[in-house]
Structure formats: C-alpha cells, structure tokens
Amino acid sequence: MRYLLIPALLLAALPAPALAYIGPGAGLSAVGSFVALLGAVLLAIVGFVWYPIKRLMRGRRKNAASPAPASEAGTPADGSSRSGA
C-alpha cells in the first residue's frame, strides 16, 4: 500500500496541460474585477483618512469665523481684572 501511495501523490502533484483556449473575455473580466477591488480598497482608505481631517478643518473654520466672547477669551466682560490688584 505504501509503495502505491508515493507514486500516486507524485502523479497528482504533476498536472497535465489542459490544452484549452481561454479567450480574452475571461482575462478582461479578471483585470476589471481586480481594478474594481483595488479602487474600492483605495476609496475605503481615503474615506477613513479624509473624514477626520475634514472634521478638523471644519471645526477650525468655525472657530476662526466666530470670535470668542470676552468672558471666554480670558478677560472679564466688564473690563475689571481678576487678580484683585
């Protein structure tokens, strides 16, 4: 049994050529699928990176456009100092 197993495994590991024609349609479909997959992965990466950057830029733009009230800027609204002097 053992003497038949090793040659059978060797024959199974060496496939014979199929001698079949695969037209260009299958190749174009494979290339198109790969390009679509690559595009989807790149768009997902860009989306994950761009969204937080866009939120930061929007937050900075809002802060720059609306000046802070005097009480939040570090000086009291009535103009008096808080140091007590």
PDB file of N, CA and C in Angstrom:
ATOM      1  N   MET A   1       0.822  -1.193   0.000  1.00  0.00           N
ATOM      2  CA  MET A   1       0.000   0.000   0.000  1.00  0.00           C
ATOM      3  C   MET A   1       0.865   1.255   0.000  1.00  0.00           C
ATOM      4  N   ARG A   2       1.903   1.231   0.797  1.00  0.00           N
ATOM      5  CA  ARG A   2       2.779   2.390   0.899  1.00  0.00           C
ATOM      6  C   ARG A   2       3.518   2.618  -0.419  1.00  0.00           C
ATOM      7  N   TYR A   3       3.833   1.554  -1.116  1.00  0.00           N
ATOM      8  CA  TYR A   3       4.560   1.692  -2.377  1.00  0.00           C
ATOM      9  C   TYR A   3       3.686   2.296  -3.466  1.00  0.00           C
ATOM     10  N   LEU A   4       2.396   2.197  -3.349  1.00  0.00           N
ATOM     11  CA  LEU A   4       1.494   2.792  -4.323  1.00  0.00           C
ATOM     12  C   LEU A   4       1.133   4.237  -3.969  1.00  0.00           C
ATOM     13  N   LEU A   5       1.199   4.588  -2.704  1.00  0.00           N
ATOM     14  CA  LEU A   5       0.797   5.919  -2.261  1.00  0.00           C
ATOM     15  C   LEU A   5       1.774   6.999  -2.734  1.00  0.00           C
ATOM     16  N   ILE A   6       3.047   6.753  -2.632  1.00  0.00           N
ATOM     17  CA  ILE A   6       4.040   7.770  -3.016  1.00  0.00           C
ATOM     18  C   ILE A   6       3.988   8.060  -4.514  1.00  0.00           C
ATOM     19  N   PRO A   7       3.985   7.072  -5.407  1.00  0.00           N
ATOM     20  CA  PRO A   7       3.859   7.407  -6.831  1.00  0.00           C
ATOM     21  C   PRO A   7       2.522   8.067  -7.177  1.00  0.00           C
ATOM     22  N   ALA A   8       1.461   7.685  -6.484  1.00  0.00           N
ATOM     23  CA  ALA A   8       0.165   8.312  -6.755  1.00  0.00           C
ATOM     24  C   ALA A   8       0.192   9.786  -6.358  1.00  0.00           C
ATOM     25  N   LEU A   9       0.808  10.115  -5.244  1.00  0.00           N
ATOM     26  CA  LEU A   9       0.933  11.511  -4.830  1.00  0.00           C
ATOM     27  C   LEU A   9       1.817  12.298  -5.795  1.00  0.00           C
ATOM     28  N   LEU A  10       2.883  11.690  -6.275  1.00  0.00           N
ATOM     29  CA  LEU A  10       3.752  12.371  -7.239  1.00  0.00           C
ATOM     30  C   LEU A  10       3.022  12.631  -8.552  1.00  0.00           C
ATOM     31  N   LEU A  11       2.234  11.676  -9.010  1.00  0.00           N
ATOM     32  CA  LEU A  11       1.471  11.877 -10.241  1.00  0.00           C
ATOM     33  C   LEU A  11       0.387  12.942 -10.059  1.00  0.00           C
ATOM     34  N   ALA A  12      -0.205  13.002  -8.883  1.00  0.00           N
ATOM     35  CA  ALA A  12      -1.233  14.005  -8.623  1.00  0.00           C
ATOM     36  C   ALA A  12      -0.623  15.400  -8.524  1.00  0.00           C
ATOM     37  N   ALA A  13       0.638  15.485  -8.121  1.00  0.00           N
ATOM     38  CA  ALA A  13       1.301  16.783  -7.975  1.00  0.00           C
ATOM     39  C   ALA A  13       1.771  17.334  -9.317  1.00  0.00           C
ATOM     40  N   LEU A  14       1.834  16.521 -10.347  1.00  0.00           N
ATOM     41  CA  LEU A  14       2.281  16.958 -11.669  1.00  0.00           C
ATOM     42  C   LEU A  14       1.090  16.971 -12.621  1.00  0.00           C
ATOM     43  N   PRO A  15       0.363  18.072 -12.693  1.00  0.00           N
ATOM     44  CA  PRO A  15      -0.820  18.089 -13.563  1.00  0.00           C
ATOM     45  C   PRO A  15      -0.434  18.118 -15.043  1.00  0.00           C
ATOM     46  N   ALA A  16      -1.273  17.542 -15.838  1.00  0.00           N
ATOM     47  CA  ALA A  16      -1.069  17.547 -17.288  1.00  0.00           C
ATOM     48  C   ALA A  16      -1.677  18.825 -17.860  1.00  0.00           C
ATOM     49  N   PRO A  17      -1.123  19.332 -18.956  1.00  0.00           N
ATOM     50  CA  PRO A  17      -1.703  20.538 -19.565  1.00  0.00           C
ATOM     51  C   PRO A  17      -3.109  20.253 -20.088  1.00  0.00           C
ATOM     52  N   ALA A  18      -3.989  21.236 -19.970  1.00  0.00           N
ATOM     53  CA  ALA A  18      -5.377  21.058 -20.374  1.00  0.00           C
ATOM     54  C   ALA A  18      -5.559  21.266 -21.869  1.00  0.00           C
ATOM     55  N   LEU A  19      -4.672  22.005 -22.513  1.00  0.00           N
ATOM     56  CA  LEU A  19      -4.748  22.306 -23.936  1.00  0.00           C
ATOM     57  C   LEU A  19      -6.099  22.931 -24.286  1.00  0.00           C
ATOM     58  N   ALA A  20      -6.527  23.863 -23.462  1.00  0.00           N
ATOM     59  CA  ALA A  20      -7.799  24.543 -23.678  1.00  0.00           C
ATOM     60  C   ALA A  20      -7.522  26.019 -23.926  1.00  0.00           C
ATOM     61  N   TYR A  21      -8.388  26.644 -24.700  1.00  0.00           N
ATOM     62  CA  TYR A  21      -8.239  28.058 -25.031  1.00  0.00           C
ATOM     63  C   TYR A  21      -9.130  28.886 -24.116  1.00  0.00           C
ATOM     64  N   ILE A  22      -8.538  29.864 -23.502  1.00  0.00           N
ATOM     65  CA  ILE A  22      -9.309  30.816 -22.699  1.00  0.00           C
ATOM     66  C   ILE A  22      -9.255  32.131 -23.450  1.00  0.00           C
ATOM     67  N   GLY A  23     -10.399  32.625 -23.870  1.00  0.00           N
ATOM     68  CA  GLY A  23     -10.463  33.841 -24.672  1.00  0.00           C
ATOM     69  C   GLY A  23     -10.127  35.093 -23.875  1.00  0.00           C
ATOM     70  N   PRO A  24     -10.034  36.211 -24.576  1.00  0.00           N
ATOM     71  CA  PRO A  24      -9.677  37.460 -23.907  1.00  0.00           C
ATOM     72  C   PRO A  24     -10.776  37.979 -22.982  1.00  0.00           C
ATOM     73  N   GLY A  25     -11.988  37.504 -23.146  1.00  0.00           N
ATOM     74  CA  GLY A  25     -13.079  37.956 -22.282  1.00  0.00           C
ATOM     75  C   GLY A  25     -12.846  37.592 -20.827  1.00  0.00           C
ATOM     76  N   ALA A  26     -12.333  36.408 -20.582  1.00  0.00           N
ATOM     77  CA  ALA A  26     -12.067  35.993 -19.202  1.00  0.00           C
ATOM     78  C   ALA A  26     -10.943  36.825 -18.602  1.00  0.00           C
ATOM     79  N   GLY A  27      -9.930  37.105 -19.397  1.00  0.00           N
ATOM     80  CA  GLY A  27      -8.823  37.930 -18.907  1.00  0.00           C
ATOM     81  C   GLY A  27      -9.261  39.351 -18.619  1.00  0.00           C
ATOM     82  N   LEU A  28     -10.078  39.914 -19.511  1.00  0.00           N
ATOM     83  CA  LEU A  28     -10.573  41.273 -19.287  1.00  0.00           C
ATOM     84  C   LEU A  28     -11.479  41.334 -18.065  1.00  0.00           C
ATOM     85  N   SER A  29     -12.266  40.305 -17.865  1.00  0.00           N
ATOM     86  CA  SER A  29     -13.118  40.264 -16.672  1.00  0.00           C
ATOM     87  C   SER A  29     -12.281  40.191 -15.403  1.00  0.00           C
ATOM     88  N   ALA A  30     -11.228  39.396 -15.437  1.00  0.00           N
ATOM     89  CA  ALA A  30     -10.360  39.278 -14.265  1.00  0.00           C
ATOM     90  C   ALA A  30      -9.651  40.597 -13.980  1.00  0.00           C
ATOM     91  N   VAL A  31      -9.150  41.251 -15.026  1.00  0.00           N
ATOM     92  CA  VAL A  31      -8.475  42.539 -14.841  1.00  0.00           C
ATOM     93  C   VAL A  31      -9.464  43.588 -14.345  1.00  0.00           C
ATOM     94  N   GLY A  32     -10.661  43.608 -14.912  1.00  0.00           N
ATOM     95  CA  GLY A  32     -11.678  44.562 -14.471  1.00  0.00           C
ATOM     96  C   GLY A  32     -12.079  44.346 -13.024  1.00  0.00           C
ATOM     97  N   SER A  33     -12.208  43.093 -12.623  1.00  0.00           N
ATOM     98  CA  SER A  33     -12.542  42.796 -11.226  1.00  0.00           C
ATOM     99  C   SER A  33     -11.425  43.239 -10.296  1.00  0.00           C
ATOM    100  N   PHE A  34     -10.192  43.026 -10.704  1.00  0.00           N
ATOM    101  CA  PHE A  34      -9.052  43.443  -9.880  1.00  0.00           C
ATOM    102  C   PHE A  34      -8.998  44.958  -9.752  1.00  0.00           C
ATOM    103  N   VAL A  35      -9.233  45.671 -10.848  1.00  0.00           N
ATOM    104  CA  VAL A  35      -9.225  47.138 -10.810  1.00  0.00           C
ATOM    105  C   VAL A  35     -10.351  47.651  -9.917  1.00  0.00           C
ATOM    106  N   ALA A  36     -11.518  47.036 -10.002  1.00  0.00           N
ATOM    107  CA  ALA A  36     -12.640  47.454  -9.156  1.00  0.00           C
ATOM    108  C   ALA A  36     -12.340  47.193  -7.681  1.00  0.00           C
ATOM    109  N   LEU A  37     -11.760  46.053  -7.380  1.00  0.00           N
ATOM    110  CA  LEU A  37     -11.403  45.737  -5.996  1.00  0.00           C
ATOM    111  C   LEU A  37     -10.348  46.702  -5.472  1.00  0.00           C
ATOM    112  N   LEU A  38      -9.354  46.989  -6.286  1.00  0.00           N
ATOM    113  CA  LEU A  38      -8.303  47.929  -5.893  1.00  0.00           C
ATOM    114  C   LEU A  38      -8.881  49.324  -5.670  1.00  0.00           C
ATOM    115  N   GLY A  39      -9.781  49.748  -6.547  1.00  0.00           N
ATOM    116  CA  GLY A  39     -10.420  51.056  -6.385  1.00  0.00           C
ATOM    117  C   GLY A  39     -11.255  51.129  -5.121  1.00  0.00           C
ATOM    118  N   ALA A  40     -11.979  50.065  -4.817  1.00  0.00           N
ATOM    119  CA  ALA A  40     -12.805  50.051  -3.603  1.00  0.00           C
ATOM    120  C   ALA A  40     -11.940  50.118  -2.352  1.00  0.00           C
ATOM    121  N   VAL A  41     -10.833  49.395  -2.348  1.00  0.00           N
ATOM    122  CA  VAL A  41      -9.935  49.426  -1.190  1.00  0.00           C
ATOM    123  C   VAL A  41      -9.322  50.808  -1.031  1.00  0.00           C
ATOM    124  N   LEU A  42      -8.884  51.412  -2.133  1.00  0.00           N
ATOM    125  CA  LEU A  42      -8.293  52.753  -2.052  1.00  0.00           C
ATOM    126  C   LEU A  42      -9.313  53.786  -1.594  1.00  0.00           C
ATOM    127  N   LEU A  43     -10.536  53.710  -2.098  1.00  0.00           N
ATOM    128  CA  LEU A  43     -11.573  54.644  -1.654  1.00  0.00           C
ATOM    129  C   LEU A  43     -11.908  54.453  -0.177  1.00  0.00           C
ATOM    130  N   ALA A  44     -11.891  53.224   0.291  1.00  0.00           N
ATOM    131  CA  ALA A  44     -12.147  52.984   1.714  1.00  0.00           C
ATOM    132  C   ALA A  44     -11.043  53.592   2.571  1.00  0.00           C
ATOM    133  N   ILE A  45      -9.797  53.423   2.147  1.00  0.00           N
ATOM    134  CA  ILE A  45      -8.678  54.005   2.898  1.00  0.00           C
ATOM    135  C   ILE A  45      -8.761  55.518   2.886  1.00  0.00           C
ATOM    136  N   VAL A  46      -9.014  56.104   1.723  1.00  0.00           N
ATOM    137  CA  VAL A  46      -9.127  57.564   1.625  1.00  0.00           C
ATOM    138  C   VAL A  46     -10.290  58.057   2.480  1.00  0.00           C
ATOM    139  N   GLY A  47     -11.398  57.335   2.481  1.00  0.00           N
ATOM    140  CA  GLY A  47     -12.542  57.737   3.293  1.00  0.00           C
ATOM    141  C   GLY A  47     -12.234  57.719   4.776  1.00  0.00           C
ATOM    142  N   PHE A  48     -11.535  56.695   5.233  1.00  0.00           N
ATOM    143  CA  PHE A  48     -11.190  56.617   6.648  1.00  0.00           C
ATOM    144  C   PHE A  48     -10.190  57.689   7.046  1.00  0.00           C
ATOM    145  N   VAL A  49      -9.338  58.098   6.136  1.00  0.00           N
ATOM    146  CA  VAL A  49      -8.350  59.133   6.445  1.00  0.00           C
ATOM    147  C   VAL A  49      -8.953  60.520   6.253  1.00  0.00           C
ATOM    148  N   TRP A  50      -9.736  60.729   5.207  1.00  0.00           N
ATOM    149  CA  TRP A  50     -10.224  62.061   4.862  1.00  0.00           C
ATOM    150  C   TRP A  50     -11.311  62.549   5.817  1.00  0.00           C
ATOM    151  N   TYR A  51     -12.170  61.688   6.294  1.00  0.00           N
ATOM    152  CA  TYR A  51     -13.287  62.140   7.132  1.00  0.00           C
ATOM    153  C   TYR A  51     -12.808  62.838   8.412  1.00  0.00           C
ATOM    154  N   PRO A  52     -11.866  62.278   9.178  1.00  0.00           N
ATOM    155  CA  PRO A  52     -11.401  63.007  10.370  1.00  0.00           C
ATOM    156  C   PRO A  52     -10.693  64.316  10.023  1.00  0.00           C
ATOM    157  N   ILE A  53      -9.961  64.347   8.917  1.00  0.00           N
ATOM    158  CA  ILE A  53      -9.294  65.588   8.509  1.00  0.00           C
ATOM    159  C   ILE A  53     -10.336  66.637   8.159  1.00  0.00           C
ATOM    160  N   LYS A  54     -11.384  66.231   7.471  1.00  0.00           N
ATOM    161  CA  LYS A  54     -12.446  67.164   7.098  1.00  0.00           C
ATOM    162  C   LYS A  54     -13.138  67.716   8.339  1.00  0.00           C
ATOM    163  N   ARG A  55     -13.367  66.885   9.332  1.00  0.00           N
ATOM    164  CA  ARG A  55     -13.994  67.365  10.573  1.00  0.00           C
ATOM    165  C   ARG A  55     -13.092  68.347  11.299  1.00  0.00           C
ATOM    166  N   LEU A  56     -11.786  68.077  11.330  1.00  0.00           N
ATOM    167  CA  LEU A  56     -10.860  69.013  11.975  1.00  0.00           C
ATOM    168  C   LEU A  56     -10.843  70.348  11.251  1.00  0.00           C
ATOM    169  N   MET A  57     -10.824  70.312   9.935  1.00  0.00           N
ATOM    170  CA  MET A  57     -10.793  71.555   9.168  1.00  0.00           C
ATOM    171  C   MET A  57     -12.090  72.335   9.364  1.00  0.00           C
ATOM    172  N   ARG A  58     -13.214  71.655   9.407  1.00  0.00           N
ATOM    173  CA  ARG A  58     -14.496  72.323   9.613  1.00  0.00           C
ATOM    174  C   ARG A  58     -14.551  72.943  11.012  1.00  0.00           C
ATOM    175  N   GLY A  59     -14.025  72.250  12.015  1.00  0.00           N
ATOM    176  CA  GLY A  59     -14.001  72.785  13.369  1.00  0.00           C
ATOM    177  C   GLY A  59     -13.115  74.010  13.479  1.00  0.00           C
ATOM    178  N   ARG A  60     -11.974  73.995  12.824  1.00  0.00           N
ATOM    179  CA  ARG A  60     -11.084  75.160  12.849  1.00  0.00           C
ATOM    180  C   ARG A  60     -11.709  76.335  12.118  1.00  0.00           C
ATOM    181  N   ARG A  61     -12.396  76.054  11.028  1.00  0.00           N
ATOM    182  CA  ARG A  61     -13.024  77.127  10.263  1.00  0.00           C
ATOM    183  C   ARG A  61     -14.133  77.790  11.085  1.00  0.00           C
ATOM    184  N   LYS A  62     -14.898  76.991  11.832  1.00  0.00           N
ATOM    185  CA  LYS A  62     -15.951  77.561  12.677  1.00  0.00           C
ATOM    186  C   LYS A  62     -15.349  78.402  13.793  1.00  0.00           C
ATOM    187  N   ASN A  63     -14.251  77.939  14.386  1.00  0.00           N
ATOM    188  CA  ASN A  63     -13.616  78.688  15.468  1.00  0.00           C
ATOM    189  C   ASN A  63     -13.013  79.988  14.957  1.00  0.00           C
ATOM    190  N   ALA A  64     -12.463  79.992  13.777  1.00  0.00           N
ATOM    191  CA  ALA A  64     -11.860  81.203  13.225  1.00  0.00           C
ATOM    192  C   ALA A  64     -12.933  82.196  12.781  1.00  0.00           C
ATOM    193  N   ALA A  65     -14.077  81.721  12.340  1.00  0.00           N
ATOM    194  CA  ALA A  65     -15.128  82.606  11.836  1.00  0.00           C
ATOM    195  C   ALA A  65     -15.900  83.275  12.968  1.00  0.00           C
ATOM    196  N   SER A  66     -16.084  82.589  14.078  1.00  0.00           N
ATOM    197  CA  SER A  66     -16.846  83.178  15.185  1.00  0.00           C
ATOM    198  C   SER A  66     -15.887  83.516  16.321  1.00  0.00           C
ATOM    199  N   PRO A  67     -15.658  84.816  16.598  1.00  0.00           N
ATOM    200  CA  PRO A  67     -14.758  85.177  17.693  1.00  0.00           C
ATOM    201  C   PRO A  67     -15.373  84.801  19.034  1.00  0.00           C
ATOM    202  N   ALA A  68     -14.521  84.440  19.959  1.00  0.00           N
ATOM    203  CA  ALA A  68     -14.994  84.035  21.275  1.00  0.00           C
ATOM    204  C   ALA A  68     -15.462  85.254  22.049  1.00  0.00           C
ATOM    205  N   PRO A  69     -16.488  85.103  22.877  1.00  0.00           N
ATOM    206  CA  PRO A  69     -16.926  86.219  23.725  1.00  0.00           C
ATOM    207  C   PRO A  69     -15.810  86.628  24.680  1.00  0.00           C
ATOM    208  N   ALA A  70     -15.883  87.847  25.180  1.00  0.00           N
ATOM    209  CA  ALA A  70     -14.821  88.365  26.034  1.00  0.00           C
ATOM    210  C   ALA A  70     -14.660  87.536  27.293  1.00  0.00           C
ATOM    211  N   SER A  71     -15.737  86.983  27.830  1.00  0.00           N
ATOM    212  CA  SER A  71     -15.630  86.193  29.054  1.00  0.00           C
ATOM    213  C   SER A  71     -14.886  84.887  28.807  1.00  0.00           C
ATOM    214  N   GLU A  72     -14.945  84.351  27.596  1.00  0.00           N
ATOM    215  CA  GLU A  72     -14.243  83.115  27.286  1.00  0.00           C
ATOM    216  C   GLU A  72     -12.836  83.372  26.789  1.00  0.00           C
ATOM    217  N   ALA A  73     -12.519  84.605  26.426  1.00  0.00           N
ATOM    218  CA  ALA A  73     -11.204  84.915  25.883  1.00  0.00           C
ATOM    219  C   ALA A  73     -10.172  85.122  26.980  1.00  0.00           C
ATOM    220  N   GLY A  74     -10.563  85.118  28.239  1.00  0.00           N
ATOM    221  CA  GLY A  74      -9.604  85.248  29.314  1.00  0.00           C
ATOM    222  C   GLY A  74      -9.727  86.560  30.065  1.00  0.00           C
ATOM    223  N   THR A  75     -10.512  87.497  29.592  1.00  0.00           N
ATOM    224  CA  THR A  75     -10.731  88.761  30.299  1.00  0.00           C
ATOM    225  C   THR A  75     -12.203  88.876  30.627  1.00  0.00           C
ATOM    226  N   PRO A  76     -12.540  89.421  31.767  1.00  0.00           N
ATOM    227  CA  PRO A  76     -13.952  89.573  32.117  1.00  0.00           C
ATOM    228  C   PRO A  76     -14.653  90.546  31.184  1.00  0.00           C
ATOM    229  N   ALA A  77     -15.957  90.380  31.054  1.00  0.00           N
ATOM    230  CA  ALA A  77     -16.736  91.217  30.151  1.00  0.00           C
ATOM    231  C   ALA A  77     -16.806  92.660  30.631  1.00  0.00           C
ATOM    232  N   ASP A  78     -16.717  92.914  31.959  1.00  0.00           N
ATOM    233  CA  ASP A  78     -16.817  94.281  32.463  1.00  0.00           C
ATOM    234  C   ASP A  78     -15.478  95.016  32.453  1.00  0.00           C
ATOM    235  N   GLY A  79     -14.396  94.351  32.080  1.00  0.00           N
ATOM    236  CA  GLY A  79     -13.096  95.008  31.964  1.00  0.00           C
ATOM    237  C   GLY A  79     -12.289  95.004  33.241  1.00  0.00           C
ATOM    238  N   SER A  80     -12.813  94.529  34.362  1.00  0.00           N
ATOM    239  CA  SER A  80     -12.049  94.511  35.607  1.00  0.00           C
ATOM    240  C   SER A  80     -11.099  93.328  35.605  1.00  0.00           C
ATOM    241  N   SER A  81     -10.035  93.454  36.376  1.00  0.00           N
ATOM    242  CA  SER A  81      -9.074  92.365  36.448  1.00  0.00           C
ATOM    243  C   SER A  81      -9.456  91.437  37.585  1.00  0.00           C
ATOM    244  N   ARG A  82      -9.112  90.176  37.463  1.00  0.00           N
ATOM    245  CA  ARG A  82      -9.468  89.199  38.484  1.00  0.00           C
ATOM    246  C   ARG A  82      -8.340  89.012  39.492  1.00  0.00           C
ATOM    247  N   SER A  83      -7.226  89.646  39.286  1.00  0.00           N
ATOM    248  CA  SER A  83      -6.101  89.428  40.185  1.00  0.00           C
ATOM    249  C   SER A  83      -6.304  90.111  41.527  1.00  0.00           C
ATOM    250  N   GLY A  84      -7.232  91.051  41.613  1.00  0.00           N
ATOM    251  CA  GLY A  84      -7.516  91.714  42.862  1.00  0.00           C
ATOM    252  C   GLY A  84      -6.649  92.925  43.103  1.00  0.00           C
ATOM    253  N   ALA A  85      -5.788  93.259  42.195  1.00  0.00           N
ATOM    254  CA  ALA A  85      -4.906  94.419  42.383  1.00  0.00           C
ATOM    255  C   ALA A  85      -5.496  95.675  41.832  1.00  0.00           C
TER     256      ALA A  85
END
